[in-house]
PDB file of all heavy atoms in Angstrom:
ATOM      1  N   ASP A   1     -27.938  79.222  92.960  1.00  0.00           N
ATOM      2  CA  ASP A   1     -29.212  78.616  93.241  1.00  0.00           C
ATOM      3  C   ASP A   1     -30.333  79.482  92.653  1.00  0.00           C
ATOM      4  O   ASP A   1     -31.276  78.937  92.030  1.00  0.00           O
ATOM      5  CB  ASP A   1     -29.406  78.425  94.773  1.00  0.00           C
ATOM      6  CG  ASP A   1     -30.602  77.549  95.108  1.00  0.00           C
ATOM      7  OD1 ASP A   1     -30.788  76.516  94.406  1.00  0.00           O
ATOM      8  OD2 ASP A   1     -31.273  77.837  96.054  1.00  0.00           O
ATOM      9  N   ILE A   2     -30.237  80.721  92.762  1.00  0.00           N
ATOM     10  CA  ILE A   2     -31.277  81.680  92.223  1.00  0.00           C
ATOM     11  C   ILE A   2     -31.280  81.566  90.647  1.00  0.00           C
ATOM     12  O   ILE A   2     -32.285  81.505  90.030  1.00  0.00           O
ATOM     13  CB  ILE A   2     -30.978  83.172  92.693  1.00  0.00           C
ATOM     14  CG1 ILE A   2     -31.247  83.267  94.192  1.00  0.00           C
ATOM     15  CG2 ILE A   2     -31.905  84.143  91.935  1.00  0.00           C
ATOM     16  CD1 ILE A   2     -30.834  84.598  94.780  1.00  0.00           C
ATOM     17  N   CYS A   3     -30.071  81.602  90.104  1.00  0.00           N
ATOM     18  CA  CYS A   3     -29.953  81.510  88.676  1.00  0.00           C
ATOM     19  C   CYS A   3     -30.502  80.152  88.112  1.00  0.00           C
ATOM     20  O   CYS A   3     -31.176  80.189  87.091  1.00  0.00           O
ATOM     21  CB  CYS A   3     -28.454  81.645  88.256  1.00  0.00           C
ATOM     22  SG  CYS A   3     -27.811  83.339  88.445  1.00  0.00           S
ATOM     23  N   ARG A   4     -30.230  79.117  88.848  1.00  0.00           N
ATOM     24  CA  ARG A   4     -30.762  77.806  88.422  1.00  0.00           C
ATOM     25  C   ARG A   4     -32.237  77.787  88.504  1.00  0.00           C
ATOM     26  O   ARG A   4     -32.959  77.343  87.603  1.00  0.00           O
ATOM     27  CB  ARG A   4     -30.180  76.689  89.283  1.00  0.00           C
ATOM     28  CG  ARG A   4     -30.588  75.284  88.935  1.00  0.00           C
ATOM     29  CD  ARG A   4     -29.887  74.154  89.654  1.00  0.00           C
ATOM     30  NE  ARG A   4     -30.024  74.345  91.081  1.00  0.00           N
ATOM     31  CZ  ARG A   4     -29.021  74.667  91.938  1.00  0.00           C
ATOM     32  NH1 ARG A   4     -27.811  74.876  91.492  1.00  0.00           N
ATOM     33  NH2 ARG A   4     -29.276  74.777  93.223  1.00  0.00           N
ATOM     34  N   GLY A   5     -32.858  78.287  89.640  1.00  0.00           N
ATOM     35  CA  GLY A   5     -34.288  78.261  89.831  1.00  0.00           C
ATOM     36  C   GLY A   5     -35.027  79.073  88.799  1.00  0.00           C
ATOM     37  O   GLY A   5     -36.045  78.675  88.305  1.00  0.00           O
ATOM     38  N   PHE A   6     -34.459  80.245  88.445  1.00  0.00           N
ATOM     39  CA  PHE A   6     -35.125  81.164  87.456  1.00  0.00           C
ATOM     40  C   PHE A   6     -34.606  80.978  86.040  1.00  0.00           C
ATOM     41  O   PHE A   6     -34.993  81.745  85.146  1.00  0.00           O
ATOM     42  CB  PHE A   6     -34.986  82.605  87.924  1.00  0.00           C
ATOM     43  CG  PHE A   6     -35.888  82.952  89.067  1.00  0.00           C
ATOM     44  CD1 PHE A   6     -35.365  82.896  90.365  1.00  0.00           C
ATOM     45  CD2 PHE A   6     -37.178  83.355  88.874  1.00  0.00           C
ATOM     46  CE1 PHE A   6     -36.200  83.284  91.466  1.00  0.00           C
ATOM     47  CE2 PHE A   6     -37.966  83.748  89.963  1.00  0.00           C
ATOM     48  CZ  PHE A   6     -37.490  83.687  91.237  1.00  0.00           C
ATOM     49  N   GLU A   7     -33.664  79.974  85.886  1.00  0.00           N
ATOM     50  CA  GLU A   7     -33.054  79.745  84.552  1.00  0.00           C
ATOM     51  C   GLU A   7     -32.468  80.970  83.946  1.00  0.00           C
ATOM     52  O   GLU A   7     -32.648  81.362  82.817  1.00  0.00           O
ATOM     53  CB  GLU A   7     -34.127  79.165  83.588  1.00  0.00           C
ATOM     54  CG  GLU A   7     -34.711  77.829  84.059  1.00  0.00           C
ATOM     55  CD  GLU A   7     -35.796  77.219  83.138  1.00  0.00           C
ATOM     56  OE1 GLU A   7     -36.125  77.937  82.143  1.00  0.00           O
ATOM     57  OE2 GLU A   7     -36.312  76.149  83.434  1.00  0.00           O
ATOM     58  N   ILE A   8     -31.655  81.637  84.809  1.00  0.00           N
ATOM     59  CA  ILE A   8     -30.924  82.853  84.399  1.00  0.00           C
ATOM     60  C   ILE A   8     -29.623  82.453  83.815  1.00  0.00           C
ATOM     61  O   ILE A   8     -28.836  81.784  84.461  1.00  0.00           O
ATOM     62  CB  ILE A   8     -30.706  83.796  85.626  1.00  0.00           C
ATOM     63  CG1 ILE A   8     -32.078  84.270  86.175  1.00  0.00           C
ATOM     64  CG2 ILE A   8     -29.876  85.008  85.227  1.00  0.00           C
ATOM     65  CD1 ILE A   8     -32.008  85.016  87.495  1.00  0.00           C
ATOM     66  N   VAL A   9     -29.301  82.883  82.592  1.00  0.00           N
ATOM     67  CA  VAL A   9     -28.096  82.520  81.939  1.00  0.00           C
ATOM     68  C   VAL A   9     -26.905  83.304  82.536  1.00  0.00           C
ATOM     69  O   VAL A   9     -27.121  84.375  83.106  1.00  0.00           O
ATOM     70  CB  VAL A   9     -28.163  82.762  80.431  1.00  0.00           C
ATOM     71  CG1 VAL A   9     -29.211  81.847  79.822  1.00  0.00           C
ATOM     72  CG2 VAL A   9     -28.448  84.211  80.101  1.00  0.00           C
ATOM     73  N   ASP A  10     -25.697  82.802  82.316  1.00  0.00           N
ATOM     74  CA  ASP A  10     -24.523  83.448  82.895  1.00  0.00           C
ATOM     75  C   ASP A  10     -24.342  84.908  82.544  1.00  0.00           C
ATOM     76  O   ASP A  10     -24.059  85.766  83.346  1.00  0.00           O
ATOM     77  CB  ASP A  10     -23.253  82.701  82.461  1.00  0.00           C
ATOM     78  CG  ASP A  10     -23.151  81.286  83.064  1.00  0.00           C
ATOM     79  OD1 ASP A  10     -23.940  81.013  84.040  1.00  0.00           O
ATOM     80  OD2 ASP A  10     -22.361  80.499  82.623  1.00  0.00           O
ATOM     81  N   ASP A  11     -24.676  85.240  81.266  1.00  0.00           N
ATOM     82  CA  ASP A  11     -24.526  86.625  80.829  1.00  0.00           C
ATOM     83  C   ASP A  11     -25.474  87.596  81.500  1.00  0.00           C
ATOM     84  O   ASP A  11     -25.267  88.800  81.467  1.00  0.00           O
ATOM     85  CB  ASP A  11     -24.763  86.694  79.342  1.00  0.00           C
ATOM     86  CG  ASP A  11     -23.572  86.041  78.515  1.00  0.00           C
ATOM     87  OD1 ASP A  11     -22.555  85.775  79.170  1.00  0.00           O
ATOM     88  OD2 ASP A  11     -23.720  85.874  77.320  1.00  0.00           O
ATOM     89  N   ALA A  12     -26.564  87.053  82.055  1.00  0.00           N
ATOM     90  CA  ALA A  12     -27.607  87.899  82.684  1.00  0.00           C
ATOM     91  C   ALA A  12     -27.392  88.113  84.174  1.00  0.00           C
ATOM     92  O   ALA A  12     -28.127  88.724  84.882  1.00  0.00           O
ATOM     93  CB  ALA A  12     -28.977  87.330  82.391  1.00  0.00           C
ATOM     94  N   PHE A  13     -26.309  87.464  84.701  1.00  0.00           N
ATOM     95  CA  PHE A  13     -25.977  87.615  86.104  1.00  0.00           C
ATOM     96  C   PHE A  13     -25.023  88.806  86.299  1.00  0.00           C
ATOM     97  O   PHE A  13     -23.963  88.867  85.704  1.00  0.00           O
ATOM     98  CB  PHE A  13     -25.317  86.308  86.610  1.00  0.00           C
ATOM     99  CG  PHE A  13     -24.678  86.458  88.015  1.00  0.00           C
ATOM    100  CD1 PHE A  13     -25.522  86.711  89.089  1.00  0.00           C
ATOM    101  CD2 PHE A  13     -23.359  86.363  88.219  1.00  0.00           C
ATOM    102  CE1 PHE A  13     -24.976  86.863  90.418  1.00  0.00           C
ATOM    103  CE2 PHE A  13     -22.821  86.533  89.486  1.00  0.00           C
ATOM    104  CZ  PHE A  13     -23.650  86.706  90.577  1.00  0.00           C
ATOM    105  N   VAL A  14     -25.492  89.755  87.136  1.00  0.00           N
ATOM    106  CA  VAL A  14     -24.668  90.966  87.342  1.00  0.00           C
ATOM    107  C   VAL A  14     -24.294  91.033  88.838  1.00  0.00           C
ATOM    108  O   VAL A  14     -25.141  90.983  89.718  1.00  0.00           O
ATOM    109  CB  VAL A  14     -25.476  92.220  86.962  1.00  0.00           C
ATOM    110  CG1 VAL A  14     -24.648  93.467  87.277  1.00  0.00           C
ATOM    111  CG2 VAL A  14     -25.924  92.173  85.535  1.00  0.00           C
ATOM    112  N   HIS A  15     -22.978  91.209  89.120  1.00  0.00           N
ATOM    113  CA  HIS A  15     -22.485  91.317  90.472  1.00  0.00           C
ATOM    114  C   HIS A  15     -21.782  92.680  90.553  1.00  0.00           C
ATOM    115  O   HIS A  15     -20.806  92.890  89.931  1.00  0.00           O
ATOM    116  CB  HIS A  15     -21.495  90.152  90.744  1.00  0.00           C
ATOM    117  CG  HIS A  15     -21.008  90.211  92.194  1.00  0.00           C
ATOM    118  ND1 HIS A  15     -19.871  90.875  92.497  1.00  0.00           N
ATOM    119  CD2 HIS A  15     -21.402  89.589  93.288  1.00  0.00           C
ATOM    120  CE1 HIS A  15     -19.608  90.690  93.809  1.00  0.00           C
ATOM    121  NE2 HIS A  15     -20.539  89.928  94.305  1.00  0.00           N
ATOM    122  N   THR A  16     -22.341  93.551  91.417  1.00  0.00           N
ATOM    123  CA  THR A  16     -21.825  94.909  91.440  1.00  0.00           C
ATOM    124  C   THR A  16     -20.670  95.131  92.440  1.00  0.00           C
ATOM    125  O   THR A  16     -20.065  96.177  92.476  1.00  0.00           O
ATOM    126  CB  THR A  16     -22.920  95.914  91.756  1.00  0.00           C
ATOM    127  OG1 THR A  16     -23.521  95.572  93.002  1.00  0.00           O
ATOM    128  CG2 THR A  16     -23.995  95.895  90.691  1.00  0.00           C
ATOM    129  N   GLY A  17     -20.433  94.119  93.327  1.00  0.00           N
ATOM    130  CA  GLY A  17     -19.356  94.251  94.312  1.00  0.00           C
ATOM    131  C   GLY A  17     -19.862  94.828  95.604  1.00  0.00           C
ATOM    132  O   GLY A  17     -20.777  95.553  95.738  1.00  0.00           O
ATOM    133  N   PHE A  18     -19.083  94.397  96.700  1.00  0.00           N
ATOM    134  CA  PHE A  18     -19.461  94.768  98.041  1.00  0.00           C
ATOM    135  C   PHE A  18     -18.538  95.751  98.691  1.00  0.00           C
ATOM    136  O   PHE A  18     -18.854  96.323  99.731  1.00  0.00           O
ATOM    137  CB  PHE A  18     -19.434  93.489  98.958  1.00  0.00           C
ATOM    138  CG  PHE A  18     -20.548  92.532  98.654  1.00  0.00           C
ATOM    139  CD1 PHE A  18     -20.345  91.517  97.719  1.00  0.00           C
ATOM    140  CD2 PHE A  18     -21.812  92.598  99.275  1.00  0.00           C
ATOM    141  CE1 PHE A  18     -21.348  90.608  97.435  1.00  0.00           C
ATOM    142  CE2 PHE A  18     -22.812  91.753  98.982  1.00  0.00           C
ATOM    143  CZ  PHE A  18     -22.638  90.719  98.058  1.00  0.00           C
ATOM    144  N   TYR A  19     -17.341  95.993  98.152  1.00  0.00           N
ATOM    145  CA  TYR A  19     -16.326  96.789  98.800  1.00  0.00           C
ATOM    146  C   TYR A  19     -16.798  98.256  98.951  1.00  0.00           C
ATOM    147  O   TYR A  19     -17.180  98.919  98.017  1.00  0.00           O
ATOM    148  CB  TYR A  19     -14.998  96.748  98.069  1.00  0.00           C
ATOM    149  CG  TYR A  19     -13.932  97.499  98.692  1.00  0.00           C
ATOM    150  CD1 TYR A  19     -13.664  97.391 100.045  1.00  0.00           C
ATOM    151  CD2 TYR A  19     -13.095  98.396  97.980  1.00  0.00           C
ATOM    152  CE1 TYR A  19     -12.668  98.034 100.662  1.00  0.00           C
ATOM    153  CE2 TYR A  19     -12.103  99.097  98.577  1.00  0.00           C
ATOM    154  CZ  TYR A  19     -11.854  98.959  99.941  1.00  0.00           C
ATOM    155  OH  TYR A  19     -10.846  99.629 100.534  1.00  0.00           O
ATOM    156  N   ARG A  20     -16.679  98.790 100.220  1.00  0.00           N
ATOM    157  CA  ARG A  20     -17.015 100.165 100.558  1.00  0.00           C
ATOM    158  C   ARG A  20     -15.750 100.769 101.186  1.00  0.00           C
ATOM    159  O   ARG A  20     -15.523 100.566 102.410  1.00  0.00           O
ATOM    160  CB  ARG A  20     -18.205 100.200 101.513  1.00  0.00           C
ATOM    161  CG  ARG A  20     -19.518  99.561 100.986  1.00  0.00           C
ATOM    162  CD  ARG A  20     -20.315 100.611 100.161  1.00  0.00           C
ATOM    163  NE  ARG A  20     -20.560 101.787 100.907  1.00  0.00           N
ATOM    164  CZ  ARG A  20     -21.514 101.877 101.918  1.00  0.00           C
ATOM    165  NH1 ARG A  20     -22.282 100.843 102.208  1.00  0.00           N
ATOM    166  NH2 ARG A  20     -21.716 103.007 102.588  1.00  0.00           N
ATOM    167  N   PRO A  21     -14.945 101.505 100.457  1.00  0.00           N
ATOM    168  CA  PRO A  21     -13.641 101.964 101.032  1.00  0.00           C
ATOM    169  C   PRO A  21     -13.864 102.970 102.124  1.00  0.00           C
ATOM    170  O   PRO A  21     -12.903 103.201 102.902  1.00  0.00           O
ATOM    171  CB  PRO A  21     -12.960 102.618  99.758  1.00  0.00           C
ATOM    172  CG  PRO A  21     -14.090 102.868  98.827  1.00  0.00           C
ATOM    173  CD  PRO A  21     -15.084 101.862  99.043  1.00  0.00           C
ATOM    174  N   ASN A  22     -15.027 103.568 102.316  1.00  0.00           N
ATOM    175  CA  ASN A  22     -15.183 104.610 103.344  1.00  0.00           C
ATOM    176  C   ASN A  22     -15.654 103.999 104.683  1.00  0.00           C
ATOM    177  O   ASN A  22     -15.765 104.695 105.661  1.00  0.00           O
ATOM    178  CB  ASN A  22     -16.164 105.675 102.916  1.00  0.00           C
ATOM    179  CG  ASN A  22     -17.591 105.082 102.660  1.00  0.00           C
ATOM    180  OD1 ASN A  22     -17.722 104.054 102.084  1.00  0.00           O
ATOM    181  ND2 ASN A  22     -18.635 105.746 103.193  1.00  0.00           N
ATOM    182  N   LEU A  23     -15.809 102.677 104.736  1.00  0.00           N
ATOM    183  CA  LEU A  23     -16.211 102.030 105.995  1.00  0.00           C
ATOM    184  C   LEU A  23     -15.047 101.400 106.741  1.00  0.00           C
ATOM    185  O   LEU A  23     -14.330 100.639 106.129  1.00  0.00           O
ATOM    186  CB  LEU A  23     -17.271 100.963 105.745  1.00  0.00           C
ATOM    187  CG  LEU A  23     -18.588 101.316 105.058  1.00  0.00           C
ATOM    188  CD1 LEU A  23     -19.545 100.167 105.045  1.00  0.00           C
ATOM    189  CD2 LEU A  23     -19.202 102.577 105.734  1.00  0.00           C
ATOM    190  N   THR A  24     -14.882 101.790 107.985  1.00  0.00           N
ATOM    191  CA  THR A  24     -13.810 101.214 108.789  1.00  0.00           C
ATOM    192  C   THR A  24     -14.453 100.156 109.722  1.00  0.00           C
ATOM    193  O   THR A  24     -15.337 100.435 110.544  1.00  0.00           O
ATOM    194  CB  THR A  24     -13.134 102.299 109.689  1.00  0.00           C
ATOM    195  OG1 THR A  24     -12.471 103.217 108.863  1.00  0.00           O
ATOM    196  CG2 THR A  24     -12.122 101.654 110.617  1.00  0.00           C
ATOM    197  N   LEU A  25     -14.063  98.912 109.511  1.00  0.00           N
ATOM    198  CA  LEU A  25     -14.671  97.774 110.302  1.00  0.00           C
ATOM    199  C   LEU A  25     -13.810  97.477 111.515  1.00  0.00           C
ATOM    200  O   LEU A  25     -12.667  97.028 111.408  1.00  0.00           O
ATOM    201  CB  LEU A  25     -14.757  96.563 109.381  1.00  0.00           C
ATOM    202  CG  LEU A  25     -15.506  96.718 108.073  1.00  0.00           C
ATOM    203  CD1 LEU A  25     -15.774  95.341 107.450  1.00  0.00           C
ATOM    204  CD2 LEU A  25     -16.804  97.427 108.252  1.00  0.00           C
ATOM    205  N   ARG A  26     -14.413  97.703 112.683  1.00  0.00           N
ATOM    206  CA  ARG A  26     -13.694  97.506 113.955  1.00  0.00           C
ATOM    207  C   ARG A  26     -14.307  96.273 114.691  1.00  0.00           C
ATOM    208  O   ARG A  26     -15.495  96.002 114.572  1.00  0.00           O
ATOM    209  CB  ARG A  26     -13.794  98.719 114.898  1.00  0.00           C
ATOM    210  CG  ARG A  26     -13.300 100.030 114.295  1.00  0.00           C
ATOM    211  CD  ARG A  26     -11.934 100.019 113.772  1.00  0.00           C
ATOM    212  NE  ARG A  26     -10.913  99.702 114.741  1.00  0.00           N
ATOM    213  CZ  ARG A  26      -9.992 100.533 115.267  1.00  0.00           C
ATOM    214  NH1 ARG A  26      -9.943 101.797 114.857  1.00  0.00           N
ATOM    215  NH2 ARG A  26      -9.057 100.136 116.079  1.00  0.00           N
ATOM    216  N   VAL A  27     -13.490  95.571 115.461  1.00  0.00           N
ATOM    217  CA  VAL A  27     -13.998  94.502 116.359  1.00  0.00           C
ATOM    218  C   VAL A  27     -13.341  94.717 117.706  1.00  0.00           C
ATOM    219  O   VAL A  27     -12.140  94.765 117.783  1.00  0.00           O
ATOM    220  CB  VAL A  27     -13.643  93.094 115.750  1.00  0.00           C
ATOM    221  CG1 VAL A  27     -14.100  92.016 116.698  1.00  0.00           C
ATOM    222  CG2 VAL A  27     -14.198  92.886 114.333  1.00  0.00           C
ATOM    223  N   THR A  28     -14.197  94.737 118.728  1.00  0.00           N
ATOM    224  CA  THR A  28     -13.655  94.836 120.095  1.00  0.00           C
ATOM    225  C   THR A  28     -14.270  93.670 120.914  1.00  0.00           C
ATOM    226  O   THR A  28     -15.498  93.556 120.995  1.00  0.00           O
ATOM    227  CB  THR A  28     -14.081  96.190 120.695  1.00  0.00           C
ATOM    228  OG1 THR A  28     -13.603  97.261 119.894  1.00  0.00           O
ATOM    229  CG2 THR A  28     -13.536  96.329 122.136  1.00  0.00           C
ATOM    230  N   PHE A  29     -13.453  92.953 121.557  1.00  0.00           N
ATOM    231  CA  PHE A  29     -13.885  91.869 122.440  1.00  0.00           C
ATOM    232  C   PHE A  29     -14.161  92.509 123.789  1.00  0.00           C
ATOM    233  O   PHE A  29     -13.357  93.221 124.335  1.00  0.00           O
ATOM    234  CB  PHE A  29     -12.857  90.729 122.567  1.00  0.00           C
ATOM    235  CG  PHE A  29     -12.675  89.961 121.316  1.00  0.00           C
ATOM    236  CD1 PHE A  29     -11.550  89.246 121.055  1.00  0.00           C
ATOM    237  CD2 PHE A  29     -13.709  89.879 120.389  1.00  0.00           C
ATOM    238  CE1 PHE A  29     -11.386  88.488 119.949  1.00  0.00           C
ATOM    239  CE2 PHE A  29     -13.579  89.154 119.227  1.00  0.00           C
ATOM    240  CZ  PHE A  29     -12.404  88.450 118.972  1.00  0.00           C
ATOM    241  N   CYS A  30     -15.303  92.038 124.368  1.00  0.00           N
ATOM    242  CA  CYS A  30     -15.632  92.550 125.689  1.00  0.00           C
ATOM    243  C   CYS A  30     -16.651  91.601 126.351  1.00  0.00           C
ATOM    244  O   CYS A  30     -17.284  90.824 125.675  1.00  0.00           O
ATOM    245  CB  CYS A  30     -16.217  94.011 125.686  1.00  0.00           C
ATOM    246  SG  CYS A  30     -17.614  94.175 124.629  1.00  0.00           S
ATOM    247  N   SER A  31     -16.715  91.713 127.652  1.00  0.00           N
ATOM    248  CA  SER A  31     -17.743  90.874 128.374  1.00  0.00           C
ATOM    249  C   SER A  31     -19.138  91.442 128.139  1.00  0.00           C
ATOM    250  O   SER A  31     -19.286  92.625 127.832  1.00  0.00           O
ATOM    251  CB  SER A  31     -17.473  90.837 129.885  1.00  0.00           C
ATOM    252  OG  SER A  31     -17.660  92.165 130.406  1.00  0.00           O
ATOM    253  N   SER A  32     -20.197  90.662 128.346  1.00  0.00           N
ATOM    254  CA  SER A  32     -21.534  91.146 128.191  1.00  0.00           C
ATOM    255  C   SER A  32     -21.831  92.331 129.055  1.00  0.00           C
ATOM    256  O   SER A  32     -22.531  93.282 128.698  1.00  0.00           O
ATOM    257  CB  SER A  32     -22.519  89.979 128.446  1.00  0.00           C
ATOM    258  OG  SER A  32     -22.350  88.967 127.529  1.00  0.00           O
ATOM    259  N   GLY A  33     -21.341  92.287 130.269  1.00  0.00           N
ATOM    260  CA  GLY A  33     -21.560  93.354 131.261  1.00  0.00           C
ATOM    261  C   GLY A  33     -20.932  94.637 131.021  1.00  0.00           C
ATOM    262  O   GLY A  33     -21.256  95.680 131.549  1.00  0.00           O
ATOM    263  N   GLY A  34     -19.883  94.688 130.134  1.00  0.00           N
ATOM    264  CA  GLY A  34     -19.131  95.922 129.888  1.00  0.00           C
ATOM    265  C   GLY A  34     -19.471  96.619 128.642  1.00  0.00           C
ATOM    266  O   GLY A  34     -18.872  97.681 128.365  1.00  0.00           O
ATOM    267  N   LYS A  35     -20.478  96.135 127.880  1.00  0.00           N
ATOM    268  CA  LYS A  35     -20.734  96.693 126.611  1.00  0.00           C
ATOM    269  C   LYS A  35     -21.392  98.086 126.671  1.00  0.00           C
ATOM    270  O   LYS A  35     -21.016  98.960 125.876  1.00  0.00           O
ATOM    271  CB  LYS A  35     -21.699  95.818 125.813  1.00  0.00           C
ATOM    272  CG  LYS A  35     -21.032  94.489 125.382  1.00  0.00           C
ATOM    273  CD  LYS A  35     -22.000  93.668 124.542  1.00  0.00           C
ATOM    274  CE  LYS A  35     -21.290  92.412 124.085  1.00  0.00           C
ATOM    275  NZ  LYS A  35     -22.262  91.551 123.289  1.00  0.00           N
ATOM    276  N   THR A  36     -22.299  98.369 127.639  1.00  0.00           N
ATOM    277  CA  THR A  36     -22.929  99.650 127.646  1.00  0.00           C
ATOM    278  C   THR A  36     -21.971 100.746 128.015  1.00  0.00           C
ATOM    279  O   THR A  36     -21.995 101.813 127.403  1.00  0.00           O
ATOM    280  CB  THR A  36     -24.123  99.618 128.638  1.00  0.00           C
ATOM    281  OG1 THR A  36     -24.983  98.496 128.304  1.00  0.00           O
ATOM    282  CG2 THR A  36     -24.909 100.879 128.609  1.00  0.00           C
ATOM    283  N   GLU A  37     -21.117 100.486 128.965  1.00  0.00           N
ATOM    284  CA  GLU A  37     -20.029 101.470 129.344  1.00  0.00           C
ATOM    285  C   GLU A  37     -19.150 101.736 128.159  1.00  0.00           C
ATOM    286  O   GLU A  37     -18.800 102.916 127.898  1.00  0.00           O
ATOM    287  CB  GLU A  37     -19.231 100.998 130.518  1.00  0.00           C
ATOM    288  CG  GLU A  37     -19.969 101.083 131.846  1.00  0.00           C
ATOM    289  CD  GLU A  37     -20.397 102.505 132.210  1.00  0.00           C
ATOM    290  OE1 GLU A  37     -19.606 103.430 131.981  1.00  0.00           O
ATOM    291  OE2 GLU A  37     -21.546 102.683 132.678  1.00  0.00           O
ATOM    292  N   LEU A  38     -18.802 100.653 127.408  1.00  0.00           N
ATOM    293  CA  LEU A  38     -17.922 100.862 126.224  1.00  0.00           C
ATOM    294  C   LEU A  38     -18.685 101.712 125.156  1.00  0.00           C
ATOM    295  O   LEU A  38     -18.025 102.609 124.557  1.00  0.00           O
ATOM    296  CB  LEU A  38     -17.539  99.514 125.652  1.00  0.00           C
ATOM    297  CG  LEU A  38     -16.613  99.497 124.453  1.00  0.00           C
ATOM    298  CD1 LEU A  38     -15.277 100.088 124.833  1.00  0.00           C
ATOM    299  CD2 LEU A  38     -16.440  98.072 123.921  1.00  0.00           C
ATOM    300  N   LEU A  39     -19.926 101.456 124.988  1.00  0.00           N
ATOM    301  CA  LEU A  39     -20.710 102.288 124.035  1.00  0.00           C
ATOM    302  C   LEU A  39     -20.725 103.739 124.414  1.00  0.00           C
ATOM    303  O   LEU A  39     -20.539 104.630 123.587  1.00  0.00           O
ATOM    304  CB  LEU A  39     -22.124 101.771 123.989  1.00  0.00           C
ATOM    305  CG  LEU A  39     -22.473 100.759 122.857  1.00  0.00           C
ATOM    306  CD1 LEU A  39     -23.943 100.364 123.001  1.00  0.00           C
ATOM    307  CD2 LEU A  39     -22.214 101.334 121.491  1.00  0.00           C
ATOM    308  N   LEU A  40     -20.965 103.992 125.730  1.00  0.00           N
ATOM    309  CA  LEU A  40     -20.962 105.384 126.247  1.00  0.00           C
ATOM    310  C   LEU A  40     -19.660 106.039 125.913  1.00  0.00           C
ATOM    311  O   LEU A  40     -19.585 107.186 125.513  1.00  0.00           O
ATOM    312  CB  LEU A  40     -21.215 105.382 127.702  1.00  0.00           C
ATOM    313  CG  LEU A  40     -22.708 105.328 128.103  1.00  0.00           C
ATOM    314  CD1 LEU A  40     -22.871 105.025 129.591  1.00  0.00           C
ATOM    315  CD2 LEU A  40     -23.447 106.628 127.763  1.00  0.00           C
ATOM    316  N   ASP A  41     -18.573 105.322 126.148  1.00  0.00           N
ATOM    317  CA  ASP A  41     -17.213 105.835 125.869  1.00  0.00           C
ATOM    318  C   ASP A  41     -17.088 106.238 124.403  1.00  0.00           C
ATOM    319  O   ASP A  41     -16.537 107.270 124.050  1.00  0.00           O
ATOM    320  CB  ASP A  41     -16.167 104.835 126.270  1.00  0.00           C
ATOM    321  CG  ASP A  41     -14.752 105.331 126.048  1.00  0.00           C
ATOM    322  OD1 ASP A  41     -14.334 106.248 126.816  1.00  0.00           O
ATOM    323  OD2 ASP A  41     -14.084 104.805 125.143  1.00  0.00           O
ATOM    324  N   ARG A  42     -17.526 105.284 123.559  1.00  0.00           N
ATOM    325  CA  ARG A  42     -17.442 105.539 122.119  1.00  0.00           C
ATOM    326  C   ARG A  42     -18.254 106.826 121.713  1.00  0.00           C
ATOM    327  O   ARG A  42     -17.758 107.644 120.946  1.00  0.00           O
ATOM    328  CB  ARG A  42     -17.956 104.381 121.317  1.00  0.00           C
ATOM    329  CG  ARG A  42     -17.139 103.077 121.512  1.00  0.00           C
ATOM    330  CD  ARG A  42     -15.783 103.228 120.860  1.00  0.00           C
ATOM    331  NE  ARG A  42     -15.092 101.909 120.730  1.00  0.00           N
ATOM    332  CZ  ARG A  42     -14.190 101.451 121.571  1.00  0.00           C
ATOM    333  NH1 ARG A  42     -13.823 102.255 122.582  1.00  0.00           N
ATOM    334  NH2 ARG A  42     -13.656 100.281 121.449  1.00  0.00           N
ATOM    335  N   LEU A  43     -19.449 106.882 122.149  1.00  0.00           N
ATOM    336  CA  LEU A  43     -20.382 108.039 121.807  1.00  0.00           C
ATOM    337  C   LEU A  43     -19.822 109.364 122.281  1.00  0.00           C
ATOM    338  O   LEU A  43     -20.006 110.359 121.647  1.00  0.00           O
ATOM    339  CB  LEU A  43     -21.772 107.789 122.392  1.00  0.00           C
ATOM    340  CG  LEU A  43     -22.569 106.580 121.802  1.00  0.00           C
ATOM    341  CD1 LEU A  43     -23.839 106.360 122.543  1.00  0.00           C
ATOM    342  CD2 LEU A  43     -22.797 106.776 120.305  1.00  0.00           C
ATOM    343  N   LYS A  44     -19.061 109.324 123.433  1.00  0.00           N
ATOM    344  CA  LYS A  44     -18.553 110.567 124.029  1.00  0.00           C
ATOM    345  C   LYS A  44     -17.289 111.021 123.303  1.00  0.00           C
ATOM    346  O   LYS A  44     -17.080 112.240 123.110  1.00  0.00           O
ATOM    347  CB  LYS A  44     -18.279 110.416 125.513  1.00  0.00           C
ATOM    348  CG  LYS A  44     -19.533 110.401 126.387  1.00  0.00           C
ATOM    349  CD  LYS A  44     -19.157 110.191 127.874  1.00  0.00           C
ATOM    350  CE  LYS A  44     -20.400 110.155 128.732  1.00  0.00           C
ATOM    351  NZ  LYS A  44     -20.052 109.859 130.125  1.00  0.00           N
ATOM    352  N   ASN A  45     -16.485 110.072 122.947  1.00  0.00           N
ATOM    353  CA  ASN A  45     -15.090 110.381 122.479  1.00  0.00           C
ATOM    354  C   ASN A  45     -14.965 110.396 120.973  1.00  0.00           C
ATOM    355  O   ASN A  45     -13.856 110.742 120.483  1.00  0.00           O
ATOM    356  CB  ASN A  45     -14.112 109.436 123.104  1.00  0.00           C
ATOM    357  CG  ASN A  45     -14.001 109.638 124.613  1.00  0.00           C
ATOM    358  OD1 ASN A  45     -13.866 110.737 125.130  1.00  0.00           O
ATOM    359  ND2 ASN A  45     -14.150 108.565 125.349  1.00  0.00           N
ATOM    360  N   ARG A  46     -15.966 109.961 120.240  1.00  0.00           N
ATOM    361  CA  ARG A  46     -15.874 109.975 118.790  1.00  0.00           C
ATOM    362  C   ARG A  46     -16.710 111.206 118.320  1.00  0.00           C
ATOM    363  O   ARG A  46     -17.631 111.681 119.012  1.00  0.00           O
ATOM    364  CB  ARG A  46     -16.467 108.694 118.167  1.00  0.00           C
ATOM    365  CG  ARG A  46     -15.459 107.599 118.285  1.00  0.00           C
ATOM    366  CD  ARG A  46     -16.040 106.283 117.762  1.00  0.00           C
ATOM    367  NE  ARG A  46     -15.006 105.282 117.741  1.00  0.00           N
ATOM    368  CZ  ARG A  46     -15.235 103.962 117.569  1.00  0.00           C
ATOM    369  NH1 ARG A  46     -16.504 103.484 117.448  1.00  0.00           N
ATOM    370  NH2 ARG A  46     -14.252 103.092 117.525  1.00  0.00           N
TER     371      ARG A  46
END
């Protein structure tokens, strides 16, 4: 959409990539009421 709006040709589009190998992505399911205690645990033990 941006390229079309600004009439940017294919050769002028640069994509540098998103991958960051040093980032560990974690997901933890928890109830709304338990988040603060979980955060405290993370801050203390990491």
